[in-house]
């Protein structure tokens, strides 16, 4: 079985690793081009390429998925493709180069949360206990193809309050287990592809920096979820103490009913901000241009924020 793997981000690495360990190593891996990153704009490779640094696997990093690239894929005579967080929509001509199609690992229970940011949207909605992974047969529309298998993430116990990275890693691990099990079954025609119910589809958008800006008129529970959902980027932030303050960890607490949203008060030595509903206790913060620190340590140096 000749597999071509398409993936770029950290989410793709467990699936690639699991396929390799299961004796299903791809004949080629397609990932995004190296690009400048960080403050020094040093050229860095995507996580998938870094994972493969010692592997004897062909790595392809096309700028565009044009006819010239598609022909290179055809020349490999692949049987099937696997996609995990590649970052580009694959054109129809590329999909048709694979006799058994291309399987896509998507971190939501489709048709809910199609698009680029399902993990952020899940945390923001407080739905960590009601999510999972879908493996679909790719078509030219975004996260639209028929579903081969879905698995709900089993967290157990009380309602989980996971951060972006915690949920990301759990879903990546689940997706890796699923693709190793699903791929051979699909080749052997032991799985049926079930069309998605398009009328139930919901969509996610790319996260922008302004998504992380806190509006204290919002309920404290929503803002607390923001601090977890935007953990990777851009963070949940507000103007406080004469600069931009990122809220890294927080918890919802009570406030006096007469307090206006945005009022800063002290509780147990920590700064708290009154919200549209209840208040947010700032457990860990990161002042602009500095390292993160406990909220009580921040308050000791910034008593002026109390109102």
Protein backbone atom coordinates (compact mmCIF):
# COMPACT_ATOMS: atom_id res chain seq x y z
CA UNK A 1 0.00 0.00 0.00
CA UNK A 2 1.52 3.31 -1.12
CA UNK A 3 0.50 6.19 1.16
CA UNK A 4 1.19 9.91 0.72
CA UNK A 5 0.81 11.92 3.93
CA UNK A 6 -0.16 15.61 3.94
CA UNK A 7 0.45 17.46 7.22
CA UNK A 8 2.14 20.50 8.68
CA UNK A 9 1.39 21.34 12.31
CA UNK A 10 1.92 19.53 15.62
CA UNK A 11 -1.53 17.95 15.26
CA UNK A 12 -0.28 15.86 12.32
CA UNK A 13 2.78 14.39 14.05
CA UNK A 14 1.09 11.67 16.18
CA UNK A 15 -0.76 10.33 13.12
CA UNK A 16 2.43 10.21 11.07
CA UNK A 17 4.26 8.50 13.92
CA UNK A 18 1.46 5.97 14.46
CA UNK A 19 1.30 5.05 10.78
CA UNK A 20 5.06 4.55 10.68
CA UNK A 21 5.06 2.34 13.79
CA UNK A 22 2.19 0.27 12.36
CA UNK A 23 4.18 -0.54 9.23
CA UNK A 24 2.21 1.96 7.16
CA UNK A 25 4.99 4.49 6.59
CA UNK A 26 4.21 6.86 3.71
CA UNK A 27 6.27 6.86 0.53
CA UNK A 28 6.21 10.66 0.65
CA UNK A 29 5.19 13.42 3.04
CA UNK A 30 3.84 16.73 1.78
CA UNK A 31 4.21 19.66 4.18
CA UNK A 32 4.33 23.46 4.09
CA UNK A 33 7.51 25.30 3.04
CA UNK A 34 10.01 26.45 5.65
CA UNK A 35 9.31 30.03 6.72
CA UNK A 36 10.63 32.76 9.04
CA UNK A 37 9.31 32.65 12.59
CA UNK A 38 9.95 34.16 15.99
CA UNK A 39 11.33 37.58 16.83
CA UNK A 40 14.52 36.97 14.92
CA UNK A 41 12.57 35.72 11.86
CA UNK A 42 14.85 32.71 11.70
CA UNK A 43 13.89 30.20 8.99
CA UNK A 44 12.24 27.21 10.64
CA UNK A 45 10.75 23.97 9.37
CA UNK A 46 7.17 22.88 10.11
CA UNK A 47 6.75 20.35 12.95
CA UNK A 48 6.12 17.46 10.55
CA UNK A 49 9.43 18.06 8.75
CA UNK A 50 11.24 18.36 12.09
CA UNK A 51 9.79 15.01 13.14
CA UNK A 52 11.13 13.42 9.94
CA UNK A 53 14.66 14.83 10.20
CA UNK A 54 16.24 11.37 10.55
CA UNK A 55 13.71 9.41 8.49
CA UNK A 56 14.31 8.11 4.98
CA UNK A 57 11.06 9.46 3.59
CA UNK A 58 10.66 11.80 0.63
CA UNK A 59 9.62 15.26 1.86
CA UNK A 60 7.83 17.61 -0.53
CA UNK A 61 7.21 21.29 0.29
CA UNK A 62 5.33 22.85 -2.63
CA UNK A 63 4.48 26.54 -2.60
CA UNK A 64 1.38 25.77 -4.67
CA UNK A 65 -0.53 22.62 -5.50
CA UNK A 66 -0.27 23.19 -9.25
CA UNK A 67 -0.28 20.73 -12.14
CA UNK A 68 3.49 20.30 -11.97
CA UNK A 69 3.25 19.18 -8.33
CA UNK A 70 0.22 16.99 -9.00
CA UNK A 71 2.16 15.18 -11.73
CA UNK A 72 4.95 14.44 -9.22
CA UNK A 73 2.32 12.80 -7.03
CA UNK A 74 0.96 10.80 -9.95
CA UNK A 75 4.48 9.59 -10.73
CA UNK A 76 4.63 8.05 -7.24
CA UNK A 77 1.64 5.84 -8.19
CA UNK A 78 0.08 6.19 -4.73
CA UNK A 79 -2.89 4.15 -3.51
CA UNK A 80 -4.25 6.44 -0.83
CA UNK A 81 -3.57 9.77 0.89
CA UNK A 82 -3.89 10.91 4.50
CA UNK A 83 -4.37 14.53 5.52
CA UNK A 84 -3.92 15.95 9.03
CA UNK A 85 -3.71 19.72 9.54
CA UNK A 86 -1.98 20.36 6.23
CA UNK A 87 -3.24 23.93 5.91
CA UNK A 88 -4.43 24.02 2.30
CA UNK A 89 -7.51 22.81 0.46
CA UNK A 90 -6.51 20.06 -1.97
CA UNK A 91 -7.74 20.53 -5.56
CA UNK A 92 -9.91 17.94 -7.27
CA UNK A 93 -7.16 16.95 -9.70
CA UNK A 94 -4.88 16.06 -6.79
CA UNK A 95 -7.56 14.05 -5.01
CA UNK A 96 -8.20 12.10 -8.22
CA UNK A 97 -4.55 11.00 -8.29
CA UNK A 98 -5.37 8.54 -5.48
CA UNK A 99 -7.36 5.40 -6.43
CA UNK A 100 -8.70 5.01 -2.88
CA UNK A 101 -9.06 8.73 -2.28
CA UNK A 102 -7.63 10.79 0.58
CA UNK A 103 -8.64 10.38 4.23
CA UNK A 104 -8.77 13.52 6.34
CA UNK A 105 -8.36 13.53 10.14
CA UNK A 106 -10.52 16.38 11.51
CA UNK A 107 -10.69 17.33 15.24
CA UNK A 108 -14.45 17.72 15.61
CA UNK A 109 -17.58 15.63 15.22
CA UNK A 110 -18.49 16.77 11.70
CA UNK A 111 -20.56 18.44 10.37
CA UNK A 112 -20.07 20.55 13.49
CA UNK A 113 -17.10 22.94 13.41
CA UNK A 114 -15.87 22.62 9.87
CA UNK A 115 -12.92 24.87 9.06
CA UNK A 116 -9.60 25.99 10.48
CA UNK A 117 -10.25 26.43 14.21
CA UNK A 118 -12.43 23.63 15.63
CA UNK A 119 -10.37 23.19 18.80
CA UNK A 120 -10.54 26.88 19.75
CA UNK A 121 -14.27 26.97 19.07
CA UNK A 122 -14.84 23.83 21.16
CA UNK A 123 -13.05 25.25 24.21
CA UNK A 124 -14.71 28.64 23.78
CA UNK A 125 -18.13 26.97 23.80
CA UNK A 126 -17.25 24.83 26.83
CA UNK A 127 -17.84 21.64 24.85
CA UNK A 128 -14.70 19.67 25.70
CA UNK A 129 -16.89 16.79 26.94
CA UNK A 130 -18.78 16.64 23.66
CA UNK A 131 -16.15 16.55 20.97
CA UNK A 132 -14.04 14.01 19.13
CA UNK A 133 -12.44 13.18 15.80
CA UNK A 134 -13.91 12.49 12.37
CA UNK A 135 -12.16 10.69 9.54
CA UNK A 136 -13.70 11.69 6.24
CA UNK A 137 -13.12 10.94 2.58
CA UNK A 138 -11.80 14.20 1.20
CA UNK A 139 -13.55 16.12 -1.55
CA UNK A 140 -12.77 19.54 -2.98
CA UNK A 141 -14.98 21.37 -0.44
CA UNK A 142 -13.74 22.21 3.05
CA UNK A 143 -14.38 19.38 5.54
CA UNK A 144 -17.39 18.36 3.45
CA UNK A 145 -16.72 14.76 2.38
CA UNK A 146 -18.52 11.65 3.67
CA UNK A 147 -17.66 10.31 7.11
CA UNK A 148 -15.89 6.95 7.41
CA UNK A 149 -15.67 6.88 11.20
CA UNK A 150 -16.16 9.15 14.21
CA UNK A 151 -15.03 8.72 17.79
CA UNK A 152 -16.02 10.83 20.78
CA UNK A 153 -13.22 11.85 23.12
CA UNK A 154 -13.62 9.95 26.38
CA UNK A 155 -12.65 12.26 29.23
CA UNK A 156 -14.71 10.75 32.03
CA UNK A 157 -15.62 12.28 35.36
CA UNK A 158 -16.84 15.82 35.79
CA UNK A 159 -17.13 18.34 32.97
CA UNK A 160 -13.59 18.97 31.81
CA UNK A 161 -12.03 22.42 31.56
CA UNK A 162 -9.24 21.77 29.12
CA UNK A 163 -6.84 24.28 27.67
CA UNK A 164 -6.28 24.49 23.92
CA UNK A 165 -3.08 22.44 24.13
CA UNK A 166 -4.62 19.78 26.38
CA UNK A 167 -7.55 19.27 24.02
CA UNK A 168 -5.30 19.50 20.94
CA UNK A 169 -3.01 16.75 22.22
CA UNK A 170 -5.90 14.48 23.27
CA UNK A 171 -7.60 14.81 19.87
CA UNK A 172 -4.31 14.32 17.98
CA UNK A 173 -3.68 11.10 19.91
CA UNK A 174 -7.22 9.88 19.25
CA UNK A 175 -6.95 10.73 15.56
CA UNK A 176 -3.67 8.82 15.29
CA UNK A 177 -5.24 5.69 16.78
CA UNK A 178 -8.24 6.01 14.49
CA UNK A 179 -6.33 6.42 11.21
CA UNK A 180 -4.21 3.31 11.84
CA UNK A 181 -7.40 1.30 12.37
CA UNK A 182 -9.45 2.94 9.61
CA UNK A 183 -7.04 3.03 6.69
CA UNK A 184 -6.70 -0.74 6.11
CA UNK A 185 -10.44 -1.26 6.63
CA UNK A 186 -11.21 1.35 3.97
CA UNK A 187 -8.81 -0.30 1.52
CA UNK A 188 -10.48 -3.67 2.24
CA UNK A 189 -13.96 -2.11 1.74
CA UNK A 190 -15.04 -2.92 5.29
CA UNK A 191 -16.23 0.65 5.96
CA UNK A 192 -19.08 2.57 4.35
CA UNK A 193 -18.76 6.31 3.65
CA UNK A 194 -21.78 8.16 5.08
CA UNK A 195 -22.60 11.62 3.63
CA UNK A 196 -22.63 14.48 6.14
CA UNK A 197 -25.88 16.24 6.99
CA UNK A 198 -25.01 19.56 5.39
CA UNK A 199 -27.99 21.35 6.90
CA UNK A 200 -26.46 20.77 10.35
CA UNK A 201 -23.01 22.11 9.42
CA UNK A 202 -21.40 24.87 11.47
CA UNK A 203 -18.23 26.67 10.47
CA UNK A 204 -15.15 28.05 12.20
CA UNK A 205 -13.00 30.94 11.03
CA UNK A 206 -9.29 31.61 11.29
CA UNK A 207 -8.50 33.12 14.69
CA UNK A 208 -7.37 36.75 14.51
CA UNK A 209 -5.50 38.79 17.11
CA UNK A 210 -8.59 40.84 17.93
CA UNK A 211 -10.44 37.67 18.95
CA UNK A 212 -8.34 37.65 22.12
CA UNK A 213 -9.35 41.14 23.29
CA UNK A 214 -11.41 40.90 26.46
CA UNK A 215 -14.72 42.70 26.82
CA UNK A 216 -15.45 42.85 30.53
CA UNK A 217 -19.17 43.22 29.77
CA UNK A 218 -19.12 39.53 28.79
CA UNK A 219 -19.88 36.89 31.47
CA UNK A 220 -16.85 35.83 33.53
CA UNK A 221 -17.40 32.19 32.49
CA UNK A 222 -17.02 33.13 28.82
CA UNK A 223 -13.85 35.16 29.45
CA UNK A 224 -12.38 32.29 31.47
CA UNK A 225 -12.98 30.03 28.47
CA UNK A 226 -11.24 32.62 26.26
CA UNK A 227 -8.07 32.28 28.36
CA UNK A 228 -8.03 28.54 27.59
CA UNK A 229 -9.27 28.65 23.98
CA UNK A 230 -6.69 31.23 22.86
CA UNK A 231 -3.81 29.71 24.81
CA UNK A 232 -1.75 29.08 21.65
CA UNK A 233 -2.58 32.40 19.98
CA UNK A 234 -3.36 35.24 20.43
CA UNK A 235 -3.99 34.87 24.16
CA UNK A 236 -6.78 36.61 26.08
CA UNK A 237 -5.70 40.17 26.84
CA UNK A 238 -6.91 43.50 28.19
CA UNK A 239 -5.64 47.03 28.83
CA UNK A 240 -4.69 47.02 32.49
CA UNK A 241 -1.96 48.57 34.60
CA UNK A 242 -0.85 50.96 31.89
CA UNK A 243 -0.26 48.27 29.28
CA UNK A 244 -1.56 45.10 27.67
CA UNK A 245 -1.99 42.28 30.18
CA UNK A 246 -2.48 38.68 29.05
CA UNK A 247 -4.62 36.52 31.32
CA UNK A 248 -3.01 33.07 31.30
CA UNK A 249 -5.02 31.32 34.03
CA UNK A 250 -8.16 32.45 35.79
CA UNK A 251 -11.23 31.34 37.66
CA UNK A 252 -14.76 32.63 38.07
CA UNK A 253 -15.64 34.19 41.44
CA UNK A 254 -18.54 36.15 42.89
CA UNK A 255 -18.74 39.95 43.06
CA UNK A 256 -20.95 42.58 44.61
CA UNK A 257 -24.04 43.02 42.45
CA UNK A 258 -23.53 46.79 42.31
CA UNK A 259 -20.04 46.54 40.80
CA UNK A 260 -19.72 47.80 37.25
CA UNK A 261 -18.00 45.67 34.63
CA UNK A 262 -14.28 46.43 34.51
CA UNK A 263 -14.00 47.25 38.21
CA UNK A 264 -10.80 45.75 39.68
CA UNK A 265 -10.88 44.50 43.27
CA UNK A 266 -8.78 42.26 45.48
CA UNK A 267 -9.70 38.78 46.72
CA UNK A 268 -7.31 36.50 48.59
CA UNK A 269 -4.44 38.71 47.46
CA UNK A 270 -5.27 38.28 43.76
CA UNK A 271 -6.67 40.87 41.36
CA UNK A 272 -10.26 40.26 40.26
CA UNK A 273 -12.20 42.04 37.55
CA UNK A 274 -15.97 42.47 37.64
CA UNK A 275 -17.63 41.16 34.47
CA UNK A 276 -21.10 41.31 32.95
CA UNK A 277 -21.90 38.29 35.09
CA UNK A 278 -19.83 37.49 38.20
CA UNK A 279 -16.08 38.25 38.21
CA UNK A 280 -12.75 36.85 36.99
CA UNK A 281 -9.90 36.09 39.39
CA UNK A 282 -6.55 36.52 37.63
CA UNK A 283 -4.42 33.59 38.78
CA UNK A 284 -1.55 33.89 36.28
CA UNK A 285 -0.84 36.90 34.07
CA UNK A 286 1.77 38.10 31.60
CA UNK A 287 2.51 41.83 31.43
CA UNK A 288 3.50 43.20 28.04
CA UNK A 289 7.13 42.35 27.23
CA UNK A 290 7.62 40.28 30.40
CA UNK A 291 7.39 36.68 31.58
CA UNK A 292 4.21 35.32 33.07
CA UNK A 293 3.80 35.58 36.82
CA UNK A 294 1.31 34.73 39.58
CA UNK A 295 -1.55 37.19 39.82
CA UNK A 296 -0.85 38.02 43.46
CA UNK A 297 2.77 38.91 42.65
CA UNK A 298 1.55 41.15 39.83
CA UNK A 299 -0.90 42.91 42.16
CA UNK A 300 1.80 43.60 44.75
CA UNK A 301 3.63 45.66 42.14
CA UNK A 302 0.53 47.24 40.62
CA UNK A 303 -1.74 48.33 43.43
CA UNK A 304 -2.84 51.24 41.25
CA UNK A 305 -5.11 48.98 39.19
CA UNK A 306 -7.52 48.57 42.13
CA UNK A 307 -10.60 50.75 41.70
